[in-house]
Amino acid sequence: MLSQPFVPRDKPKSWVLFICAGLIALLVFAPVIGLGIFFEASWVRGLGMFGFVMCWCVMAVTGAISAFGNISGRYRNLSAKDWKDQVW
């Protein structure tokens, strides 16, 4: 059993979503695109591309929020909190 959660409790929500969206894009949707290309199934490739682009859109928004919060100093001295109580 894991003793610690996968999602860090001392990072802002925007940073966590940025990282998770990138991992989902690369580990889930990129292989789906590859399978669609390999088996010449355009609908599988299209589904993978749609998911990949949606993940990158989430990354763009949450990355911008995270960068702005980091530059403005909002994320200085963050403590470990539950997800619902952590800052964006």
N, C-alpha and C. Protein backbone atom coordinates (compact mmCIF):
# COMPACT_ATOMS: atom_id res chain seq x y z
N MET A 1 0.84 -1.19 0.00
CA MET A 1 0.00 0.00 0.00
C MET A 1 0.88 1.25 0.00
N LEU A 2 0.41 2.28 -0.64
CA LEU A 2 1.14 3.55 -0.64
C LEU A 2 0.91 4.27 0.67
N SER A 3 2.00 4.78 1.23
CA SER A 3 1.85 5.50 2.50
C SER A 3 1.53 6.97 2.27
N GLN A 4 1.85 7.49 1.07
CA GLN A 4 1.58 8.88 0.76
C GLN A 4 0.74 8.95 -0.51
N PRO A 5 -0.11 9.97 -0.63
CA PRO A 5 -0.92 10.09 -1.84
C PRO A 5 -0.06 10.50 -3.05
N PHE A 6 -0.56 10.19 -4.23
CA PHE A 6 0.12 10.56 -5.46
C PHE A 6 0.17 12.08 -5.63
N VAL A 7 -0.92 12.73 -5.27
CA VAL A 7 -1.02 14.18 -5.42
C VAL A 7 -0.36 14.85 -4.22
N PRO A 8 0.63 15.70 -4.46
CA PRO A 8 1.28 16.38 -3.33
C PRO A 8 0.34 17.36 -2.65
N ARG A 9 0.41 17.43 -1.34
CA ARG A 9 -0.49 18.29 -0.58
C ARG A 9 0.08 19.69 -0.36
N ASP A 10 1.34 19.89 -0.71
CA ASP A 10 1.96 21.20 -0.48
C ASP A 10 2.17 21.99 -1.77
N LYS A 11 1.44 21.64 -2.81
CA LYS A 11 1.50 22.35 -4.10
C LYS A 11 0.12 22.92 -4.41
N PRO A 12 0.06 24.03 -5.17
CA PRO A 12 -1.24 24.60 -5.53
C PRO A 12 -2.01 23.70 -6.50
N LYS A 13 -3.32 23.84 -6.50
CA LYS A 13 -4.18 23.02 -7.36
C LYS A 13 -3.83 23.18 -8.83
N SER A 14 -3.52 24.41 -9.25
CA SER A 14 -3.21 24.65 -10.66
C SER A 14 -1.98 23.88 -11.09
N TRP A 15 -0.97 23.80 -10.24
CA TRP A 15 0.25 23.07 -10.57
C TRP A 15 -0.04 21.57 -10.67
N VAL A 16 -0.84 21.05 -9.74
CA VAL A 16 -1.18 19.62 -9.75
C VAL A 16 -1.96 19.27 -11.02
N LEU A 17 -2.94 20.09 -11.39
CA LEU A 17 -3.70 19.82 -12.61
C LEU A 17 -2.83 19.94 -13.86
N PHE A 18 -1.90 20.87 -13.87
CA PHE A 18 -0.97 21.03 -14.98
C PHE A 18 -0.16 19.74 -15.19
N ILE A 19 0.40 19.22 -14.13
CA ILE A 19 1.21 18.01 -14.21
C ILE A 19 0.34 16.79 -14.58
N CYS A 20 -0.81 16.65 -13.96
CA CYS A 20 -1.68 15.50 -14.24
C CYS A 20 -2.19 15.51 -15.68
N ALA A 21 -2.55 16.68 -16.20
CA ALA A 21 -3.02 16.76 -17.59
C ALA A 21 -1.91 16.38 -18.56
N GLY A 22 -0.69 16.81 -18.27
CA GLY A 22 0.43 16.45 -19.13
C GLY A 22 0.71 14.96 -19.11
N LEU A 23 0.64 14.36 -17.93
CA LEU A 23 0.86 12.92 -17.82
C LEU A 23 -0.23 12.13 -18.54
N ILE A 24 -1.47 12.56 -18.41
CA ILE A 24 -2.57 11.87 -19.09
C ILE A 24 -2.41 11.98 -20.60
N ALA A 25 -2.02 13.17 -21.08
CA ALA A 25 -1.82 13.35 -22.52
C ALA A 25 -0.74 12.42 -23.04
N LEU A 26 0.37 12.34 -22.33
CA LEU A 26 1.50 11.54 -22.81
C LEU A 26 1.33 10.04 -22.58
N LEU A 27 0.71 9.67 -21.47
CA LEU A 27 0.64 8.25 -21.13
C LEU A 27 -0.64 7.55 -21.57
N VAL A 28 -1.69 8.33 -21.87
CA VAL A 28 -2.95 7.73 -22.29
C VAL A 28 -3.24 8.03 -23.76
N PHE A 29 -3.29 9.31 -24.10
CA PHE A 29 -3.76 9.68 -25.44
C PHE A 29 -2.69 9.54 -26.53
N ALA A 30 -1.42 9.74 -26.21
CA ALA A 30 -0.37 9.55 -27.22
C ALA A 30 -0.31 8.10 -27.69
N PRO A 31 -0.39 7.10 -26.79
CA PRO A 31 -0.43 5.72 -27.29
C PRO A 31 -1.68 5.40 -28.11
N VAL A 32 -2.81 6.03 -27.76
CA VAL A 32 -4.03 5.82 -28.56
C VAL A 32 -3.83 6.36 -29.97
N ILE A 33 -3.17 7.51 -30.09
CA ILE A 33 -2.86 8.06 -31.42
C ILE A 33 -1.95 7.09 -32.17
N GLY A 34 -0.94 6.57 -31.48
CA GLY A 34 -0.03 5.62 -32.11
C GLY A 34 -0.73 4.36 -32.58
N LEU A 35 -1.65 3.84 -31.77
CA LEU A 35 -2.41 2.66 -32.18
C LEU A 35 -3.30 2.97 -33.38
N GLY A 36 -3.90 4.15 -33.38
CA GLY A 36 -4.73 4.54 -34.51
C GLY A 36 -3.93 4.64 -35.80
N ILE A 37 -2.71 5.15 -35.70
CA ILE A 37 -1.85 5.24 -36.87
C ILE A 37 -1.40 3.84 -37.30
N PHE A 38 -1.01 3.02 -36.34
CA PHE A 38 -0.51 1.68 -36.65
C PHE A 38 -1.57 0.81 -37.32
N PHE A 39 -2.79 0.84 -36.79
CA PHE A 39 -3.88 0.01 -37.34
C PHE A 39 -4.69 0.74 -38.41
N GLU A 40 -4.24 1.92 -38.79
CA GLU A 40 -4.90 2.73 -39.82
C GLU A 40 -6.39 2.93 -39.53
N ALA A 41 -6.68 3.21 -38.26
CA ALA A 41 -8.05 3.48 -37.83
C ALA A 41 -8.15 4.97 -37.54
N SER A 42 -8.71 5.69 -38.48
CA SER A 42 -8.74 7.15 -38.36
C SER A 42 -9.60 7.62 -37.19
N TRP A 43 -10.64 6.86 -36.85
CA TRP A 43 -11.49 7.29 -35.73
C TRP A 43 -10.77 7.14 -34.40
N VAL A 44 -9.92 6.12 -34.27
CA VAL A 44 -9.13 5.94 -33.04
C VAL A 44 -8.10 7.05 -32.95
N ARG A 45 -7.45 7.33 -34.06
CA ARG A 45 -6.47 8.41 -34.09
C ARG A 45 -7.13 9.74 -33.78
N GLY A 46 -8.30 9.98 -34.34
CA GLY A 46 -9.04 11.22 -34.08
C GLY A 46 -9.45 11.34 -32.62
N LEU A 47 -9.89 10.24 -32.03
CA LEU A 47 -10.26 10.25 -30.62
C LEU A 47 -9.04 10.55 -29.75
N GLY A 48 -7.92 9.93 -30.07
CA GLY A 48 -6.69 10.19 -29.33
C GLY A 48 -6.24 11.64 -29.48
N MET A 49 -6.34 12.16 -30.69
CA MET A 49 -5.93 13.56 -30.93
C MET A 49 -6.84 14.53 -30.18
N PHE A 50 -8.12 14.24 -30.15
CA PHE A 50 -9.05 15.10 -29.42
C PHE A 50 -8.70 15.12 -27.94
N GLY A 51 -8.49 13.94 -27.34
CA GLY A 51 -8.12 13.87 -25.93
C GLY A 51 -6.79 14.55 -25.66
N PHE A 52 -5.83 14.37 -26.54
CA PHE A 52 -4.51 14.98 -26.40
C PHE A 52 -4.61 16.50 -26.43
N VAL A 53 -5.36 17.02 -27.37
CA VAL A 53 -5.53 18.48 -27.48
C VAL A 53 -6.28 19.03 -26.27
N MET A 54 -7.28 18.32 -25.79
CA MET A 54 -8.01 18.78 -24.59
C MET A 54 -7.09 18.82 -23.37
N CYS A 55 -6.24 17.82 -23.23
CA CYS A 55 -5.29 17.82 -22.12
C CYS A 55 -4.33 19.00 -22.24
N TRP A 56 -3.88 19.28 -23.44
CA TRP A 56 -2.96 20.41 -23.61
C TRP A 56 -3.66 21.74 -23.40
N CYS A 57 -4.95 21.82 -23.69
CA CYS A 57 -5.70 23.05 -23.38
C CYS A 57 -5.79 23.25 -21.86
N VAL A 58 -6.05 22.16 -21.13
CA VAL A 58 -6.07 22.23 -19.67
C VAL A 58 -4.69 22.64 -19.17
N MET A 59 -3.65 22.08 -19.77
CA MET A 59 -2.29 22.45 -19.36
C MET A 59 -2.01 23.93 -19.61
N ALA A 60 -2.48 24.46 -20.72
CA ALA A 60 -2.23 25.87 -21.03
C ALA A 60 -2.88 26.78 -19.99
N VAL A 61 -4.12 26.49 -19.65
CA VAL A 61 -4.85 27.33 -18.69
C VAL A 61 -4.25 27.20 -17.29
N THR A 62 -4.08 25.96 -16.83
CA THR A 62 -3.57 25.78 -15.47
C THR A 62 -2.10 26.17 -15.35
N GLY A 63 -1.34 26.02 -16.43
CA GLY A 63 0.04 26.47 -16.43
C GLY A 63 0.14 27.98 -16.31
N ALA A 64 -0.74 28.69 -17.01
CA ALA A 64 -0.76 30.15 -16.92
C ALA A 64 -1.15 30.60 -15.52
N ILE A 65 -2.16 29.95 -14.94
CA ILE A 65 -2.58 30.28 -13.57
C ILE A 65 -1.44 30.02 -12.59
N SER A 66 -0.79 28.88 -12.76
CA SER A 66 0.31 28.52 -11.87
C SER A 66 1.48 29.49 -12.02
N ALA A 67 1.82 29.85 -13.23
CA ALA A 67 2.92 30.79 -13.47
C ALA A 67 2.60 32.15 -12.87
N PHE A 68 1.39 32.63 -13.07
CA PHE A 68 1.00 33.93 -12.52
C PHE A 68 1.05 33.91 -10.99
N GLY A 69 0.55 32.84 -10.38
CA GLY A 69 0.59 32.72 -8.93
C GLY A 69 2.01 32.64 -8.39
N ASN A 70 2.86 31.97 -9.15
CA ASN A 70 4.25 31.85 -8.74
C ASN A 70 4.99 33.19 -8.85
N ILE A 71 4.77 33.89 -9.95
CA ILE A 71 5.43 35.19 -10.16
C ILE A 71 4.93 36.22 -9.15
N SER A 72 3.64 36.19 -8.86
CA SER A 72 3.08 37.19 -7.94
C SER A 72 3.40 36.90 -6.48
N GLY A 73 3.97 35.73 -6.19
CA GLY A 73 4.34 35.39 -4.83
C GLY A 73 3.22 34.77 -4.01
N ARG A 74 2.13 34.43 -4.66
CA ARG A 74 0.99 33.85 -3.97
C ARG A 74 1.29 32.47 -3.40
N TYR A 75 2.23 31.76 -4.01
CA TYR A 75 2.52 30.40 -3.60
C TYR A 75 3.70 30.31 -2.64
N ARG A 76 4.15 31.43 -2.13
CA ARG A 76 5.24 31.42 -1.17
C ARG A 76 4.75 30.85 0.16
N ASN A 77 5.52 30.03 0.77
CA ASN A 77 5.24 29.46 2.09
C ASN A 77 3.94 28.64 2.14
N LEU A 78 3.72 27.80 1.13
CA LEU A 78 2.55 26.93 1.15
C LEU A 78 2.77 25.79 2.14
N SER A 79 1.74 25.46 2.88
CA SER A 79 1.82 24.33 3.81
C SER A 79 0.95 23.20 3.27
N ALA A 80 1.16 22.01 3.78
CA ALA A 80 0.38 20.85 3.36
C ALA A 80 -1.06 21.00 3.86
N LYS A 81 -2.00 20.94 2.91
CA LYS A 81 -3.42 21.06 3.23
C LYS A 81 -4.19 20.02 2.42
N ASP A 82 -5.45 19.80 2.82
CA ASP A 82 -6.34 18.96 2.02
C ASP A 82 -6.59 19.64 0.68
N TRP A 83 -6.97 18.85 -0.32
CA TRP A 83 -7.20 19.37 -1.67
C TRP A 83 -8.20 20.52 -1.66
N LYS A 84 -9.31 20.37 -0.95
CA LYS A 84 -10.36 21.40 -0.97
C LYS A 84 -9.90 22.70 -0.32
N ASP A 85 -8.91 22.65 0.54
CA ASP A 85 -8.43 23.84 1.24
C ASP A 85 -7.21 24.49 0.59
N GLN A 86 -6.60 23.83 -0.38
CA GLN A 86 -5.39 24.35 -1.02
C GLN A 86 -5.74 25.47 -2.00
N VAL A 87 -4.81 26.41 -2.23
CA VAL A 87 -5.04 27.53 -3.13
C VAL A 87 -4.95 27.08 -4.58
N TRP A 88 -5.52 27.88 -5.47
CA TRP A 88 -5.41 27.62 -6.89
C TRP A 88 -4.12 28.18 -7.39
